[in-house]
Amino acid sequence: MGTVLLMSEIAVPYFCSLPASPPPWPGVVVVMEGMGLTPQLLRVCERLAGEGYAAVAPDLYWRFGGSNPT
């Protein structure tokens, strides 16, 4: 059987973009495609924030060295 980890026991890097308006905001988790966290994905998060959503894109490759969104 596998090991169960609580979210408080791991730290996953992520990109977060927040709206300019005061909270509370609806939230969206943006899942990356095969290339990882790309500049296009970061622009999608920023566009969602511009529409009033808090957008978070976790780096799902963090255990393998992470993405490099340059």
Protein backbone atom coordinates (compact mmCIF):
# COMPACT_ATOMS: atom_id res chain seq x y z
CA MET A 1 0.00 0.00 0.00
CA GLY A 2 1.22 3.55 -0.76
CA THR A 3 2.11 6.27 1.67
CA VAL A 4 -0.47 8.95 2.36
CA LEU A 5 0.95 12.48 2.58
CA LEU A 6 -1.00 15.36 3.99
CA MET A 7 -0.83 18.56 1.95
CA SER A 8 0.81 20.30 4.90
CA GLU A 9 3.76 17.87 4.58
CA ILE A 10 4.69 18.78 0.98
CA ALA A 11 5.41 22.08 -0.74
CA VAL A 12 4.42 22.21 -4.41
CA PRO A 13 5.66 25.28 -6.32
CA TYR A 14 2.94 27.13 -8.17
CA PHE A 15 2.16 30.28 -10.14
CA CYS A 16 -0.66 32.38 -8.72
CA SER A 17 -2.35 35.36 -10.34
CA LEU A 18 -4.90 37.39 -8.37
CA PRO A 19 -7.47 39.96 -9.48
CA ALA A 20 -6.97 43.63 -8.68
CA SER A 21 -10.35 43.77 -6.91
CA PRO A 22 -10.60 42.97 -3.19
CA PRO A 23 -11.34 39.36 -2.15
CA PRO A 24 -13.25 37.07 -2.02
CA TRP A 25 -12.75 35.74 -5.58
CA PRO A 26 -13.86 32.57 -7.34
CA GLY A 27 -10.89 30.30 -7.93
CA VAL A 28 -9.57 28.27 -10.86
CA VAL A 29 -6.85 25.62 -10.87
CA VAL A 30 -5.08 25.73 -14.25
CA VAL A 31 -3.53 22.36 -15.10
CA MET A 32 -0.39 22.47 -17.21
CA GLU A 33 0.10 20.61 -20.44
CA GLY A 34 3.01 18.32 -21.33
CA MET A 35 5.58 21.12 -21.62
CA GLY A 36 5.08 22.18 -18.00
CA LEU A 37 4.59 25.75 -16.82
CA THR A 38 5.05 27.70 -20.05
CA PRO A 39 4.82 31.45 -20.67
CA GLN A 40 1.50 30.81 -22.44
CA LEU A 41 0.10 29.09 -19.33
CA LEU A 42 1.22 32.03 -17.16
CA ARG A 43 -0.57 34.40 -19.57
CA VAL A 44 -3.73 32.29 -19.24
CA CYS A 45 -3.54 32.69 -15.44
CA GLU A 46 -3.08 36.44 -15.81
CA ARG A 47 -6.00 36.67 -18.24
CA LEU A 48 -8.24 34.78 -15.79
CA ALA A 49 -7.18 37.16 -13.01
CA GLY A 50 -8.13 40.05 -15.29
CA GLU A 51 -11.62 38.53 -15.50
CA GLY A 52 -11.92 38.36 -11.70
CA TYR A 53 -10.71 34.83 -10.91
CA ALA A 54 -7.89 33.77 -8.61
CA ALA A 55 -5.87 31.44 -10.84
CA VAL A 56 -3.33 28.92 -9.55
CA ALA A 57 -1.13 26.72 -11.75
CA PRO A 58 0.80 24.09 -9.75
CA ASP A 59 4.09 22.81 -11.17
CA LEU A 60 3.29 19.11 -11.45
CA TYR A 61 6.89 18.38 -12.49
CA TRP A 62 8.34 19.66 -9.20
CA ARG A 63 9.57 16.23 -8.13
CA PHE A 64 11.62 15.97 -11.34
CA GLY A 65 13.31 19.35 -11.15
CA GLY A 66 10.35 21.50 -12.06
CA SER A 67 9.39 23.54 -15.08
CA ASN A 68 11.30 26.52 -16.40
CA PRO A 69 8.75 29.06 -17.68
CA THR A 70 11.16 31.38 -19.50
